[in-house]
Amino acid sequence: MMNESEVRGDRGTRFRHYYQKFYWPIVRYFVSAFRVTQEDAEDLSQEVFIRFYEAIDDYRGDAAWPYLQKIALRTGLNNIRYGR
């Protein structure tokens, strides 16, 4: 398995790598940190990865979990703030 600094390729290839590696950890993060249902956690995780895809060209390729966790935290807080 590649470490984060070795992930190369086009935008789609890089995105797939991070999505496959971190989708379920992000779902679990929402379930434990925000006490949401599995279904809601999966919906929120999709939002996280949409935001990540939009910003992937700015992502340097290091510390993927903290980067995604920060996006997840903001997504979760926005979810609470706007009462979704």
N, C-alpha and C. Protein backbone atom coordinates (compact mmCIF):
# COMPACT_ATOMS: atom_id res chain seq x y z
N MET A 1 0.85 -1.19 0.00
CA MET A 1 0.00 0.00 0.00
C MET A 1 0.89 1.25 0.00
N MET A 2 0.46 2.24 -0.74
CA MET A 2 1.21 3.48 -0.84
C MET A 2 1.02 4.32 0.42
N ASN A 3 2.09 5.03 0.80
CA ASN A 3 1.86 6.02 1.84
C ASN A 3 1.33 7.28 1.18
N GLU A 4 0.85 8.20 1.96
CA GLU A 4 0.13 9.34 1.43
C GLU A 4 0.96 10.19 0.48
N SER A 5 2.24 10.32 0.72
CA SER A 5 3.07 11.16 -0.15
C SER A 5 3.36 10.49 -1.50
N GLU A 6 3.04 9.19 -1.62
CA GLU A 6 3.29 8.48 -2.86
C GLU A 6 2.07 8.38 -3.77
N VAL A 7 0.94 8.90 -3.35
CA VAL A 7 -0.27 8.83 -4.15
C VAL A 7 -0.12 9.77 -5.33
N ARG A 8 -0.13 9.19 -6.50
CA ARG A 8 0.07 9.97 -7.73
C ARG A 8 -1.07 9.67 -8.68
N GLY A 9 -1.07 10.40 -9.76
CA GLY A 9 -2.06 10.16 -10.79
C GLY A 9 -2.96 11.36 -10.96
N ASP A 10 -3.95 11.15 -11.79
CA ASP A 10 -4.88 12.25 -12.03
C ASP A 10 -5.78 12.43 -10.81
N ARG A 11 -6.58 13.45 -10.89
CA ARG A 11 -7.47 13.83 -9.80
C ARG A 11 -8.37 12.66 -9.38
N GLY A 12 -8.94 11.97 -10.34
CA GLY A 12 -9.83 10.86 -10.04
C GLY A 12 -9.13 9.71 -9.35
N THR A 13 -7.93 9.39 -9.80
CA THR A 13 -7.16 8.30 -9.19
C THR A 13 -6.81 8.64 -7.75
N ARG A 14 -6.36 9.84 -7.52
CA ARG A 14 -6.01 10.27 -6.15
C ARG A 14 -7.26 10.26 -5.27
N PHE A 15 -8.36 10.77 -5.80
CA PHE A 15 -9.60 10.80 -5.02
C PHE A 15 -10.03 9.39 -4.64
N ARG A 16 -10.03 8.47 -5.60
CA ARG A 16 -10.44 7.09 -5.32
C ARG A 16 -9.60 6.47 -4.21
N HIS A 17 -8.30 6.73 -4.24
CA HIS A 17 -7.42 6.20 -3.20
C HIS A 17 -7.88 6.66 -1.81
N TYR A 18 -8.08 7.95 -1.65
CA TYR A 18 -8.47 8.49 -0.34
C TYR A 18 -9.89 8.06 0.04
N TYR A 19 -10.77 8.02 -0.94
CA TYR A 19 -12.15 7.60 -0.66
C TYR A 19 -12.17 6.16 -0.16
N GLN A 20 -11.49 5.27 -0.85
CA GLN A 20 -11.47 3.86 -0.45
C GLN A 20 -10.81 3.66 0.91
N LYS A 21 -9.81 4.43 1.20
CA LYS A 21 -9.08 4.28 2.45
C LYS A 21 -9.81 4.91 3.64
N PHE A 22 -10.49 6.01 3.41
CA PHE A 22 -11.01 6.78 4.55
C PHE A 22 -12.53 6.90 4.64
N TYR A 23 -13.28 6.36 3.69
CA TYR A 23 -14.73 6.51 3.76
C TYR A 23 -15.30 5.94 5.06
N TRP A 24 -15.02 4.70 5.36
CA TRP A 24 -15.60 4.09 6.56
C TRP A 24 -15.05 4.69 7.86
N PRO A 25 -13.78 5.04 7.94
CA PRO A 25 -13.34 5.74 9.15
C PRO A 25 -14.08 7.08 9.36
N ILE A 26 -14.39 7.78 8.28
CA ILE A 26 -15.14 9.03 8.40
C ILE A 26 -16.57 8.74 8.87
N VAL A 27 -17.18 7.69 8.33
CA VAL A 27 -18.52 7.31 8.78
C VAL A 27 -18.49 7.02 10.29
N ARG A 28 -17.53 6.22 10.72
CA ARG A 28 -17.41 5.89 12.15
C ARG A 28 -17.17 7.14 12.99
N TYR A 29 -16.39 8.08 12.46
CA TYR A 29 -16.13 9.34 13.16
C TYR A 29 -17.45 10.06 13.42
N PHE A 30 -18.31 10.16 12.41
CA PHE A 30 -19.59 10.84 12.60
C PHE A 30 -20.47 10.12 13.61
N VAL A 31 -20.51 8.80 13.54
CA VAL A 31 -21.33 8.04 14.48
C VAL A 31 -20.86 8.26 15.91
N SER A 32 -19.55 8.24 16.14
CA SER A 32 -19.06 8.37 17.51
C SER A 32 -18.99 9.82 17.98
N ALA A 33 -18.54 10.73 17.14
CA ALA A 33 -18.34 12.11 17.57
C ALA A 33 -19.64 12.91 17.60
N PHE A 34 -20.54 12.64 16.67
CA PHE A 34 -21.76 13.43 16.56
C PHE A 34 -23.02 12.64 16.93
N ARG A 35 -22.85 11.35 17.27
CA ARG A 35 -23.96 10.51 17.70
C ARG A 35 -25.13 10.53 16.71
N VAL A 36 -24.78 10.36 15.43
CA VAL A 36 -25.81 10.30 14.39
C VAL A 36 -26.01 8.85 13.98
N THR A 37 -27.08 8.59 13.28
CA THR A 37 -27.34 7.24 12.79
C THR A 37 -26.33 6.87 11.70
N GLN A 38 -26.23 5.60 11.43
CA GLN A 38 -25.35 5.13 10.36
C GLN A 38 -25.72 5.78 9.03
N GLU A 39 -27.01 5.86 8.75
CA GLU A 39 -27.48 6.46 7.49
C GLU A 39 -27.09 7.93 7.41
N ASP A 40 -27.30 8.68 8.49
CA ASP A 40 -26.91 10.09 8.50
C ASP A 40 -25.39 10.24 8.38
N ALA A 41 -24.66 9.35 9.05
CA ALA A 41 -23.20 9.40 8.97
C ALA A 41 -22.72 9.16 7.54
N GLU A 42 -23.37 8.26 6.83
CA GLU A 42 -23.00 8.00 5.44
C GLU A 42 -23.31 9.21 4.56
N ASP A 43 -24.45 9.87 4.81
CA ASP A 43 -24.79 11.09 4.06
C ASP A 43 -23.77 12.19 4.33
N LEU A 44 -23.42 12.38 5.59
CA LEU A 44 -22.43 13.40 5.94
C LEU A 44 -21.06 13.07 5.35
N SER A 45 -20.73 11.79 5.33
CA SER A 45 -19.44 11.38 4.75
C SER A 45 -19.40 11.69 3.26
N GLN A 46 -20.52 11.52 2.59
CA GLN A 46 -20.57 11.89 1.17
C GLN A 46 -20.30 13.39 1.00
N GLU A 47 -20.86 14.20 1.89
CA GLU A 47 -20.60 15.64 1.83
C GLU A 47 -19.11 15.94 2.03
N VAL A 48 -18.50 15.23 2.97
CA VAL A 48 -17.07 15.41 3.22
C VAL A 48 -16.28 15.13 1.95
N PHE A 49 -16.60 14.04 1.28
CA PHE A 49 -15.82 13.68 0.10
C PHE A 49 -16.13 14.56 -1.10
N ILE A 50 -17.30 15.14 -1.16
CA ILE A 50 -17.58 16.13 -2.20
C ILE A 50 -16.68 17.35 -1.97
N ARG A 51 -16.62 17.80 -0.72
CA ARG A 51 -15.77 18.95 -0.40
C ARG A 51 -14.29 18.63 -0.65
N PHE A 52 -13.91 17.42 -0.29
CA PHE A 52 -12.52 17.01 -0.52
C PHE A 52 -12.21 16.99 -2.01
N TYR A 53 -13.11 16.45 -2.81
CA TYR A 53 -12.89 16.40 -4.26
C TYR A 53 -12.72 17.80 -4.83
N GLU A 54 -13.54 18.72 -4.36
CA GLU A 54 -13.46 20.09 -4.85
C GLU A 54 -12.13 20.75 -4.47
N ALA A 55 -11.51 20.32 -3.39
CA ALA A 55 -10.27 20.93 -2.91
C ALA A 55 -9.04 20.06 -3.16
N ILE A 56 -9.19 18.94 -3.84
CA ILE A 56 -8.09 17.98 -3.94
C ILE A 56 -6.85 18.56 -4.63
N ASP A 57 -7.04 19.48 -5.54
CA ASP A 57 -5.88 20.08 -6.21
C ASP A 57 -5.04 20.93 -5.27
N ASP A 58 -5.64 21.40 -4.18
CA ASP A 58 -4.90 22.18 -3.18
C ASP A 58 -4.29 21.30 -2.09
N TYR A 59 -4.70 20.04 -2.04
CA TYR A 59 -4.20 19.12 -1.02
C TYR A 59 -2.79 18.67 -1.37
N ARG A 60 -1.86 18.81 -0.42
CA ARG A 60 -0.45 18.51 -0.66
C ARG A 60 -0.12 17.02 -0.60
N GLY A 61 -0.99 16.23 -0.02
CA GLY A 61 -0.75 14.79 0.01
C GLY A 61 -0.19 14.27 1.31
N ASP A 62 -0.11 15.10 2.33
CA ASP A 62 0.38 14.61 3.62
C ASP A 62 -0.72 14.73 4.67
N ALA A 63 -0.67 13.88 5.66
CA ALA A 63 -1.61 13.91 6.78
C ALA A 63 -3.07 13.87 6.33
N ALA A 64 -3.42 12.85 5.59
CA ALA A 64 -4.76 12.75 5.02
C ALA A 64 -5.84 12.66 6.10
N TRP A 65 -5.62 11.84 7.14
CA TRP A 65 -6.66 11.71 8.16
C TRP A 65 -6.95 13.04 8.84
N PRO A 66 -5.96 13.77 9.34
CA PRO A 66 -6.29 15.06 9.96
C PRO A 66 -6.98 16.03 8.99
N TYR A 67 -6.57 16.00 7.75
CA TYR A 67 -7.18 16.88 6.74
C TYR A 67 -8.66 16.53 6.55
N LEU A 68 -8.94 15.25 6.38
CA LEU A 68 -10.33 14.81 6.20
C LEU A 68 -11.14 14.97 7.48
N GLN A 69 -10.51 14.75 8.61
CA GLN A 69 -11.21 14.90 9.88
C GLN A 69 -11.62 16.35 10.10
N LYS A 70 -10.77 17.28 9.69
CA LYS A 70 -11.13 18.69 9.82
C LYS A 70 -12.33 19.03 8.93
N ILE A 71 -12.34 18.50 7.70
CA ILE A 71 -13.49 18.70 6.82
C ILE A 71 -14.73 18.08 7.47
N ALA A 72 -14.58 16.89 8.05
CA ALA A 72 -15.71 16.21 8.70
C ALA A 72 -16.22 17.01 9.90
N LEU A 73 -15.31 17.54 10.69
CA LEU A 73 -15.72 18.34 11.84
C LEU A 73 -16.54 19.54 11.39
N ARG A 74 -16.06 20.25 10.40
CA ARG A 74 -16.80 21.41 9.89
C ARG A 74 -18.14 21.01 9.30
N THR A 75 -18.17 19.89 8.59
CA THR A 75 -19.42 19.40 8.02
C THR A 75 -20.40 19.04 9.13
N GLY A 76 -19.93 18.36 10.15
CA GLY A 76 -20.79 17.99 11.28
C GLY A 76 -21.32 19.20 12.03
N LEU A 77 -20.45 20.17 12.26
CA LEU A 77 -20.89 21.39 12.96
C LEU A 77 -21.89 22.17 12.12
N ASN A 78 -21.66 22.23 10.81
CA ASN A 78 -22.63 22.89 9.93
C ASN A 78 -23.97 22.16 9.96
N ASN A 79 -23.91 20.85 10.04
CA ASN A 79 -25.13 20.05 10.11
C ASN A 79 -25.92 20.42 11.37
N ILE A 80 -25.24 20.58 12.48
CA ILE A 80 -25.90 20.99 13.72
C ILE A 80 -26.40 22.42 13.61
N ARG A 81 -25.54 23.28 13.13
CA ARG A 81 -25.86 24.72 13.04
C ARG A 81 -27.10 24.97 12.21
N TYR A 82 -27.20 24.28 11.08
CA TYR A 82 -28.31 24.54 10.18
C TYR A 82 -29.47 23.56 10.36
N GLY A 83 -29.36 22.72 11.38
CA GLY A 83 -30.45 21.83 11.73
C GLY A 83 -30.90 20.85 10.67
N ARG A 84 -29.95 20.32 9.94
CA ARG A 84 -30.30 19.35 8.89
C ARG A 84 -30.64 18.01 9.48
